[in-house]
PDB file of N, CA and C in Angstrom:
ATOM      1  N   ALA A   1       4.875 -18.409  -1.769  1.00  0.00           N
ATOM      2  CA  ALA A   1       3.680 -18.986  -2.353  1.00  0.00           C
ATOM      3  C   ALA A   1       3.963 -20.427  -2.756  1.00  0.00           C
ATOM      4  N   GLU A   2       2.954 -21.251  -2.603  1.00  0.00           N
ATOM      5  CA  GLU A   2       3.083 -22.648  -3.021  1.00  0.00           C
ATOM      6  C   GLU A   2       2.945 -22.796  -4.534  1.00  0.00           C
ATOM      7  N   ARG A   3       2.109 -21.959  -5.150  1.00  0.00           N
ATOM      8  CA  ARG A   3       1.856 -22.057  -6.589  1.00  0.00           C
ATOM      9  C   ARG A   3       1.831 -20.664  -7.212  1.00  0.00           C
ATOM     10  N   TRP A   4       2.435 -20.551  -8.382  1.00  0.00           N
ATOM     11  CA  TRP A   4       2.401 -19.330  -9.187  1.00  0.00           C
ATOM     12  C   TRP A   4       1.832 -19.704 -10.545  1.00  0.00           C
ATOM     13  N   THR A   5       0.832 -18.960 -11.005  1.00  0.00           N
ATOM     14  CA  THR A   5       0.244 -19.205 -12.316  1.00  0.00           C
ATOM     15  C   THR A   5       0.234 -17.895 -13.088  1.00  0.00           C
ATOM     16  N   GLU A   6       0.828 -17.911 -14.273  1.00  0.00           N
ATOM     17  CA  GLU A   6       0.783 -16.712 -15.110  1.00  0.00           C
ATOM     18  C   GLU A   6      -0.629 -16.561 -15.658  1.00  0.00           C
ATOM     19  N   VAL A   7      -1.193 -15.365 -15.515  1.00  0.00           N
ATOM     20  CA  VAL A   7      -2.565 -15.145 -15.982  1.00  0.00           C
ATOM     21  C   VAL A   7      -2.667 -14.123 -17.104  1.00  0.00           C
ATOM     22  N   LEU A   8      -1.677 -13.245 -17.245  1.00  0.00           N
ATOM     23  CA  LEU A   8      -1.849 -12.157 -18.192  1.00  0.00           C
ATOM     24  C   LEU A   8      -0.515 -11.497 -18.512  1.00  0.00           C
ATOM     25  N   GLN A   9      -0.349 -11.120 -19.769  1.00  0.00           N
ATOM     26  CA  GLN A   9       0.757 -10.260 -20.185  1.00  0.00           C
ATOM     27  C   GLN A   9       0.142  -9.030 -20.838  1.00  0.00           C
ATOM     28  N   MET A  10       0.648  -7.864 -20.481  1.00  0.00           N
ATOM     29  CA  MET A  10       0.103  -6.616 -21.021  1.00  0.00           C
ATOM     30  C   MET A  10       1.227  -5.710 -21.495  1.00  0.00           C
ATOM     31  N   ASP A  11       0.995  -5.041 -22.628  1.00  0.00           N
ATOM     32  CA  ASP A  11       1.876  -3.966 -23.076  1.00  0.00           C
ATOM     33  C   ASP A  11       1.379  -2.691 -22.404  1.00  0.00           C
ATOM     34  N   LEU A  12       2.249  -2.039 -21.650  1.00  0.00           N
ATOM     35  CA  LEU A  12       1.801  -0.922 -20.816  1.00  0.00           C
ATOM     36  C   LEU A  12       1.629   0.377 -21.582  1.00  0.00           C
ATOM     37  N   SER A  13       2.447   0.611 -22.562  1.00  0.00           N
ATOM     38  CA  SER A  13       2.333   1.843 -23.340  1.00  0.00           C
ATOM     39  C   SER A  13       2.967   1.590 -24.693  1.00  0.00           C
ATOM     40  N   ASN A  14       2.309   0.747 -25.483  1.00  0.00           N
ATOM     41  CA  ASN A  14       2.949   0.263 -26.701  1.00  0.00           C
ATOM     42  C   ASN A  14       3.243   1.351 -27.732  1.00  0.00           C
ATOM     43  N   SER A  15       2.679   2.519 -27.601  1.00  0.00           N
ATOM     44  CA  SER A  15       3.014   3.588 -28.548  1.00  0.00           C
ATOM     45  C   SER A  15       4.245   4.376 -28.108  1.00  0.00           C
ATOM     46  N   ALA A  16       4.622   4.238 -26.831  1.00  0.00           N
ATOM     47  CA  ALA A  16       5.729   5.036 -26.317  1.00  0.00           C
ATOM     48  C   ALA A  16       6.912   4.209 -25.817  1.00  0.00           C
ATOM     49  N   SER A  17       6.678   2.933 -25.479  1.00  0.00           N
ATOM     50  CA  SER A  17       7.766   2.110 -24.954  1.00  0.00           C
ATOM     51  C   SER A  17       7.457   0.640 -25.214  1.00  0.00           C
ATOM     52  N   ASP A  18       8.438  -0.194 -24.910  1.00  0.00           N
ATOM     53  CA  ASP A  18       8.226  -1.635 -25.051  1.00  0.00           C
ATOM     54  C   ASP A  18       8.027  -2.301 -23.686  1.00  0.00           C
ATOM     55  N   GLU A  19       7.681  -1.508 -22.682  1.00  0.00           N
ATOM     56  CA  GLU A  19       7.484  -2.027 -21.328  1.00  0.00           C
ATOM     57  C   GLU A  19       6.307  -2.994 -21.292  1.00  0.00           C
ATOM     58  N   GLN A  20       6.522  -4.136 -20.638  1.00  0.00           N
ATOM     59  CA  GLN A  20       5.481  -5.143 -20.493  1.00  0.00           C
ATOM     60  C   GLN A  20       5.278  -5.468 -19.027  1.00  0.00           C
ATOM     61  N   ALA A  21       4.071  -5.908 -18.717  1.00  0.00           N
ATOM     62  CA  ALA A  21       3.764  -6.426 -17.387  1.00  0.00           C
ATOM     63  C   ALA A  21       3.372  -7.884 -17.555  1.00  0.00           C
ATOM     64  N   ILE A  22       3.911  -8.726 -16.698  1.00  0.00           N
ATOM     65  CA  ILE A  22       3.518 -10.129 -16.647  1.00  0.00           C
ATOM     66  C   ILE A  22       2.899 -10.337 -15.280  1.00  0.00           C
ATOM     67  N   ILE A  23       1.637 -10.751 -15.272  1.00  0.00           N
ATOM     68  CA  ILE A  23       0.871 -10.835 -14.033  1.00  0.00           C
ATOM     69  C   ILE A  23       0.659 -12.298 -13.669  1.00  0.00           C
ATOM     70  N   PHE A  24       0.923 -12.609 -12.418  1.00  0.00           N
ATOM     71  CA  PHE A  24       0.754 -13.949 -11.887  1.00  0.00           C
ATOM     72  C   PHE A  24      -0.265 -13.919 -10.762  1.00  0.00           C
ATOM     73  N   VAL A  25      -0.900 -15.050 -10.527  1.00  0.00           N
ATOM     74  CA  VAL A  25      -1.678 -15.225  -9.312  1.00  0.00           C
ATOM     75  C   VAL A  25      -0.880 -16.199  -8.445  1.00  0.00           C
ATOM     76  N   ALA A  26      -0.729 -15.846  -7.183  1.00  0.00           N
ATOM     77  CA  ALA A  26       0.007 -16.680  -6.235  1.00  0.00           C
ATOM     78  C   ALA A  26      -0.992 -17.292  -5.265  1.00  0.00           C
ATOM     79  N   GLN A  27      -0.860 -18.585  -5.044  1.00  0.00           N
ATOM     80  CA  GLN A  27      -1.758 -19.284  -4.127  1.00  0.00           C
ATOM     81  C   GLN A  27      -0.925 -19.998  -3.072  1.00  0.00           C
ATOM     82  N   GLY A  28      -1.552 -20.249  -1.929  1.00  0.00           N
ATOM     83  CA  GLY A  28      -0.856 -20.890  -0.828  1.00  0.00           C
ATOM     84  C   GLY A  28       0.158 -19.958  -0.195  1.00  0.00           C
ATOM     85  N   LEU A  29      -0.292 -18.742   0.087  1.00  0.00           N
ATOM     86  CA  LEU A  29       0.601 -17.712   0.621  1.00  0.00           C
ATOM     87  C   LEU A  29       0.842 -17.881   2.112  1.00  0.00           C
ATOM     88  N   THR A  30       1.995 -17.430   2.556  1.00  0.00           N
ATOM     89  CA  THR A  30       2.327 -17.334   3.968  1.00  0.00           C
ATOM     90  C   THR A  30       2.509 -15.850   4.268  1.00  0.00           C
ATOM     91  N   PHE A  31       1.781 -15.357   5.247  1.00  0.00           N
ATOM     92  CA  PHE A  31       1.851 -13.936   5.573  1.00  0.00           C
ATOM     93  C   PHE A  31       2.894 -13.688   6.653  1.00  0.00           C
ATOM     94  N   HIS A  32       3.603 -12.580   6.504  1.00  0.00           N
ATOM     95  CA  HIS A  32       4.618 -12.151   7.457  1.00  0.00           C
ATOM     96  C   HIS A  32       4.392 -10.676   7.761  1.00  0.00           C
ATOM     97  N   GLU A  33       4.967 -10.227   8.843  1.00  0.00           N
ATOM     98  CA  GLU A  33       4.898  -8.805   9.172  1.00  0.00           C
ATOM     99  C   GLU A  33       5.684  -8.023   8.125  1.00  0.00           C
ATOM    100  N   PRO A  34       5.111  -6.918   7.637  1.00  0.00           N
ATOM    101  CA  PRO A  34       5.842  -6.117   6.647  1.00  0.00           C
ATOM    102  C   PRO A  34       7.074  -5.465   7.272  1.00  0.00           C
ATOM    103  N   GLU A  35       8.078  -5.237   6.446  1.00  0.00           N
ATOM    104  CA  GLU A  35       9.291  -4.546   6.872  1.00  0.00           C
ATOM    105  C   GLU A  35       9.523  -3.360   5.936  1.00  0.00           C
ATOM    106  N   PRO A  36       8.708  -2.309   6.087  1.00  0.00           N
ATOM    107  CA  PRO A  36       8.816  -1.172   5.162  1.00  0.00           C
ATOM    108  C   PRO A  36      10.106  -0.385   5.374  1.00  0.00           C
ATOM    109  N   ASP A  37      10.515   0.312   4.312  1.00  0.00           N
ATOM    110  CA  ASP A  37      11.615   1.263   4.442  1.00  0.00           C
ATOM    111  C   ASP A  37      11.181   2.370   5.396  1.00  0.00           C
ATOM    112  N   HIS A  38      12.126   3.148   5.877  1.00  0.00           N
ATOM    113  CA  HIS A  38      11.815   4.178   6.865  1.00  0.00           C
ATOM    114  C   HIS A  38      10.821   5.216   6.348  1.00  0.00           C
ATOM    115  N   ASP A  39      10.739   5.406   5.040  1.00  0.00           N
ATOM    116  CA  ASP A  39       9.824   6.411   4.490  1.00  0.00           C
ATOM    117  C   ASP A  39       8.587   5.793   3.826  1.00  0.00           C
ATOM    118  N   GLU A  40       8.330   4.515   4.087  1.00  0.00           N
ATOM    119  CA  GLU A  40       7.174   3.830   3.500  1.00  0.00           C
ATOM    120  C   GLU A  40       6.101   3.562   4.546  1.00  0.00           C
ATOM    121  N   GLU A  41       4.880   3.553   4.081  1.00  0.00           N
ATOM    122  CA  GLU A  41       3.762   3.108   4.909  1.00  0.00           C
ATOM    123  C   GLU A  41       3.070   1.983   4.152  1.00  0.00           C
ATOM    124  N   LEU A  42       3.102   0.786   4.704  1.00  0.00           N
ATOM    125  CA  LEU A  42       2.490  -0.373   4.067  1.00  0.00           C
ATOM    126  C   LEU A  42       1.338  -0.882   4.907  1.00  0.00           C
ATOM    127  N   GLU A  43       0.312  -1.318   4.233  1.00  0.00           N
ATOM    128  CA  GLU A  43      -0.829  -1.921   4.921  1.00  0.00           C
ATOM    129  C   GLU A  43      -1.169  -3.218   4.203  1.00  0.00           C
ATOM    130  N   GLN A  44      -1.232  -4.305   4.954  1.00  0.00           N
ATOM    131  CA  GLN A  44      -1.651  -5.585   4.395  1.00  0.00           C
ATOM    132  C   GLN A  44      -3.105  -5.811   4.746  1.00  0.00           C
ATOM    133  N   ARG A  45      -3.846  -6.273   3.760  1.00  0.00           N
ATOM    134  CA  ARG A  45      -5.251  -6.613   3.984  1.00  0.00           C
ATOM    135  C   ARG A  45      -5.529  -7.926   3.288  1.00  0.00           C
ATOM    136  N   LYS A  46      -6.082  -8.857   4.015  1.00  0.00           N
ATOM    137  CA  LYS A  46      -6.462 -10.133   3.423  1.00  0.00           C
ATOM    138  C   LYS A  46      -7.971 -10.102   3.224  1.00  0.00           C
ATOM    139  N   LEU A  47      -8.411 -10.334   1.981  1.00  0.00           N
ATOM    140  CA  LEU A  47      -9.839 -10.358   1.721  1.00  0.00           C
ATOM    141  C   LEU A  47     -10.139 -11.429   0.686  1.00  0.00           C
ATOM    142  N   PRO A  48     -11.350 -11.946   0.700  1.00  0.00           N
ATOM    143  CA  PRO A  48     -11.723 -12.966  -0.278  1.00  0.00           C
ATOM    144  C   PRO A  48     -11.664 -12.397  -1.692  1.00  0.00           C
ATOM    145  N   PHE A  49     -11.311 -13.257  -2.644  1.00  0.00           N
ATOM    146  CA  PHE A  49     -11.212 -12.812  -4.031  1.00  0.00           C
ATOM    147  C   PHE A  49     -12.530 -12.209  -4.502  1.00  0.00           C
ATOM    148  N   GLU A  50     -13.651 -12.808  -4.137  1.00  0.00           N
ATOM    149  CA  GLU A  50     -14.955 -12.310  -4.596  1.00  0.00           C
ATOM    150  C   GLU A  50     -15.185 -10.874  -4.126  1.00  0.00           C
ATOM    151  N   GLU A  51     -14.708 -10.543  -2.936  1.00  0.00           N
ATOM    152  CA  GLU A  51     -14.835  -9.163  -2.449  1.00  0.00           C
ATOM    153  C   GLU A  51     -14.003  -8.209  -3.311  1.00  0.00           C
ATOM    154  N   LEU A  52     -12.793  -8.617  -3.654  1.00  0.00           N
ATOM    155  CA  LEU A  52     -11.960  -7.801  -4.541  1.00  0.00           C
ATOM    156  C   LEU A  52     -12.628  -7.645  -5.901  1.00  0.00           C
ATOM    157  N   TYR A  53     -13.178  -8.720  -6.426  1.00  0.00           N
ATOM    158  CA  TYR A  53     -13.879  -8.679  -7.716  1.00  0.00           C
ATOM    159  C   TYR A  53     -15.029  -7.670  -7.667  1.00  0.00           C
ATOM    160  N   GLN A  54     -15.815  -7.692  -6.606  1.00  0.00           N
ATOM    161  CA  GLN A  54     -16.930  -6.751  -6.465  1.00  0.00           C
ATOM    162  C   GLN A  54     -16.422  -5.313  -6.337  1.00  0.00           C
ATOM    163  N   MET A  55     -15.295  -5.121  -5.663  1.00  0.00           N
ATOM    164  CA  MET A  55     -14.705  -3.784  -5.555  1.00  0.00           C
ATOM    165  C   MET A  55     -14.308  -3.261  -6.935  1.00  0.00           C
ATOM    166  N   VAL A  56     -13.782  -4.142  -7.782  1.00  0.00           N
ATOM    167  CA  VAL A  56     -13.442  -3.753  -9.156  1.00  0.00           C
ATOM    168  C   VAL A  56     -14.709  -3.356  -9.902  1.00  0.00           C
ATOM    169  N   LEU A  57     -15.757  -4.166  -9.797  1.00  0.00           N
ATOM    170  CA  LEU A  57     -17.005  -3.872 -10.508  1.00  0.00           C
ATOM    171  C   LEU A  57     -17.638  -2.562 -10.052  1.00  0.00           C
ATOM    172  N   ARG A  58     -17.481  -2.237  -8.765  1.00  0.00           N
ATOM    173  CA  ARG A  58     -18.048  -0.987  -8.234  1.00  0.00           C
ATOM    174  C   ARG A  58     -17.161   0.221  -8.533  1.00  0.00           C
ATOM    175  N   GLY A  59     -15.995   0.000  -9.100  1.00  0.00           N
ATOM    176  CA  GLY A  59     -15.087   1.099  -9.407  1.00  0.00           C
ATOM    177  C   GLY A  59     -14.258   1.556  -8.229  1.00  0.00           C
ATOM    178  N   GLU A  60     -14.207   0.765  -7.170  1.00  0.00           N
ATOM    179  CA  GLU A  60     -13.414   1.124  -5.993  1.00  0.00           C
ATOM    180  C   GLU A  60     -11.938   0.812  -6.199  1.00  0.00           C
ATOM    181  N   VAL A  61     -11.640  -0.121  -7.067  1.00  0.00           N
ATOM    182  CA  VAL A  61     -10.271  -0.432  -7.469  1.00  0.00           C
ATOM    183  C   VAL A  61     -10.170  -0.031  -8.931  1.00  0.00           C
ATOM    184  N   ARG A  62      -9.265   0.887  -9.249  1.00  0.00           N
ATOM    185  CA  ARG A  62      -9.231   1.444 -10.601  1.00  0.00           C
ATOM    186  C   ARG A  62      -7.882   1.303 -11.295  1.00  0.00           C
ATOM    187  N   ASP A  63      -6.886   0.816 -10.606  1.00  0.00           N
ATOM    188  CA  ASP A  63      -5.578   0.614 -11.220  1.00  0.00           C
ATOM    189  C   ASP A  63      -5.710  -0.373 -12.375  1.00  0.00           C
ATOM    190  N   SER A  64      -5.241   0.007 -13.553  1.00  0.00           N
ATOM    191  CA  SER A  64      -5.495  -0.785 -14.763  1.00  0.00           C
ATOM    192  C   SER A  64      -4.934  -2.201 -14.689  1.00  0.00           C
ATOM    193  N   LEU A  65      -3.744  -2.372 -14.146  1.00  0.00           N
ATOM    194  CA  LEU A  65      -3.179  -3.720 -14.051  1.00  0.00           C
ATOM    195  C   LEU A  65      -3.977  -4.590 -13.091  1.00  0.00           C
ATOM    196  N   THR A  66      -4.391  -4.014 -11.975  1.00  0.00           N
ATOM    197  CA  THR A  66      -5.187  -4.774 -11.015  1.00  0.00           C
ATOM    198  C   THR A  66      -6.534  -5.142 -11.604  1.00  0.00           C
ATOM    199  N   VAL A  67      -7.201  -4.195 -12.247  1.00  0.00           N
ATOM    200  CA  VAL A  67      -8.510  -4.461 -12.857  1.00  0.00           C
ATOM    201  C   VAL A  67      -8.387  -5.570 -13.895  1.00  0.00           C
ATOM    202  N   ALA A  68      -7.410  -5.471 -14.778  1.00  0.00           N
ATOM    203  CA  ALA A  68      -7.228  -6.492 -15.815  1.00  0.00           C
ATOM    204  C   ALA A  68      -6.946  -7.855 -15.197  1.00  0.00           C
ATOM    205  N   ALA A  69      -6.095  -7.886 -14.185  1.00  0.00           N
ATOM    206  CA  ALA A  69      -5.745  -9.155 -13.547  1.00  0.00           C
ATOM    207  C   ALA A  69      -6.949  -9.780 -12.860  1.00  0.00           C
ATOM    208  N   VAL A  70      -7.710  -8.982 -12.131  1.00  0.00           N
ATOM    209  CA  VAL A  70      -8.874  -9.507 -11.412  1.00  0.00           C
ATOM    210  C   VAL A  70      -9.914 -10.049 -12.390  1.00  0.00           C
ATOM    211  N   LEU A  71     -10.178  -9.320 -13.460  1.00  0.00           N
ATOM    212  CA  LEU A  71     -11.161  -9.790 -14.442  1.00  0.00           C
ATOM    213  C   LEU A  71     -10.689 -11.068 -15.129  1.00  0.00           C
ATOM    214  N   LYS A  72      -9.402 -11.155 -15.444  1.00  0.00           N
ATOM    215  CA  LYS A  72      -8.867 -12.366 -16.078  1.00  0.00           C
ATOM    216  C   LYS A  72      -8.918 -13.549 -15.120  1.00  0.00           C
ATOM    217  N   VAL A  73      -8.576 -13.342 -13.859  1.00  0.00           N
ATOM    218  CA  VAL A  73      -8.628 -14.428 -12.876  1.00  0.00           C
ATOM    219  C   VAL A  73     -10.061 -14.904 -12.693  1.00  0.00           C
ATOM    220  N   LYS A  74     -11.011 -13.987 -12.637  1.00  0.00           N
ATOM    221  CA  LYS A  74     -12.424 -14.375 -12.513  1.00  0.00           C
ATOM    222  C   LYS A  74     -12.829 -15.253 -13.692  1.00  0.00           C
ATOM    223  N   LEU A  75     -12.451 -14.867 -14.902  1.00  0.00           N
ATOM    224  CA  LEU A  75     -12.760 -15.663 -16.090  1.00  0.00           C
ATOM    225  C   LEU A  75     -12.111 -17.045 -16.003  1.00  0.00           C
ATOM    226  N   MET A  76     -10.860 -17.089 -15.585  1.00  0.00           N
ATOM    227  CA  MET A  76     -10.169 -18.372 -15.458  1.00  0.00           C
ATOM    228  C   MET A  76     -10.846 -19.265 -14.428  1.00  0.00           C
ATOM    229  N   LEU A  77     -11.314 -18.679 -13.332  1.00  0.00           N
ATOM    230  CA  LEU A  77     -12.030 -19.460 -12.319  1.00  0.00           C
ATOM    231  C   LEU A  77     -13.335 -20.011 -12.884  1.00  0.00           C
ATOM    232  N   LEU A  78     -14.081 -19.175 -13.594  1.00  0.00           N
ATOM    233  CA  LEU A  78     -15.354 -19.615 -14.177  1.00  0.00           C
ATOM    234  C   LEU A  78     -15.149 -20.721 -15.207  1.00  0.00           C
ATOM    235  N   GLU A  79     -14.044 -20.673 -15.930  1.00  0.00           N
ATOM    236  CA  GLU A  79     -13.750 -21.677 -16.957  1.00  0.00           C
ATOM    237  C   GLU A  79     -13.040 -22.905 -16.401  1.00  0.00           C
ATOM    238  N   GLY A  80     -12.780 -22.917 -15.083  1.00  0.00           N
ATOM    239  CA  GLY A  80     -12.105 -24.052 -14.466  1.00  0.00           C
ATOM    240  C   GLY A  80     -10.631 -24.156 -14.813  1.00  0.00           C
ATOM    241  N   LYS A  81     -10.026 -23.049 -15.209  1.00  0.00           N
ATOM    242  CA  LYS A  81      -8.618 -23.042 -15.600  1.00  0.00           C
ATOM    243  C   LYS A  81      -7.684 -22.673 -14.455  1.00  0.00           C
ATOM    244  N   LEU A  82      -8.251 -22.445 -13.292  1.00  0.00           N
ATOM    245  CA  LEU A  82      -7.457 -22.050 -12.133  1.00  0.00           C
ATOM    246  C   LEU A  82      -8.099 -22.673 -10.906  1.00  0.00           C
ATOM    247  N   PRO A  83      -7.332 -23.355 -10.073  1.00  0.00           N
ATOM    248  CA  PRO A  83      -7.936 -23.924  -8.863  1.00  0.00           C
ATOM    249  C   PRO A  83      -8.477 -22.823  -7.964  1.00  0.00           C
ATOM    250  N   GLY A  84      -9.659 -23.023  -7.430  1.00  0.00           N
ATOM    251  CA  GLY A  84     -10.275 -22.037  -6.544  1.00  0.00           C
ATOM    252  C   GLY A  84      -9.730 -22.156  -5.195  1.00  0.00           C
TER     253      GLY A  84
END
C-alpha cells in the first residue's frame, strides 16, 4: 500500500481480556495472486467502498470489526479527514 491511515482502535472483550484491535485503511494497493496454504480457500474481490458501505447497512456484512471500520471510514470521508 502507498498509504496507511489508522482509523480506529477497539477493545475486543474488555471484561475478559486486554486484547485490542487497531484498524487501518490502506490506499494505493497493488493486487497479487493469492498464495493460500494447502488447506485454505481464499477469494479476492475488489469493490467500490460505497458498495461495501451499502452491504454493511443492509446487514450483509456483520463482522463487528468490519462494520465498525466501514462506518468510521465513511464518517472520515464525509468530514474530509481521509482522501477519497
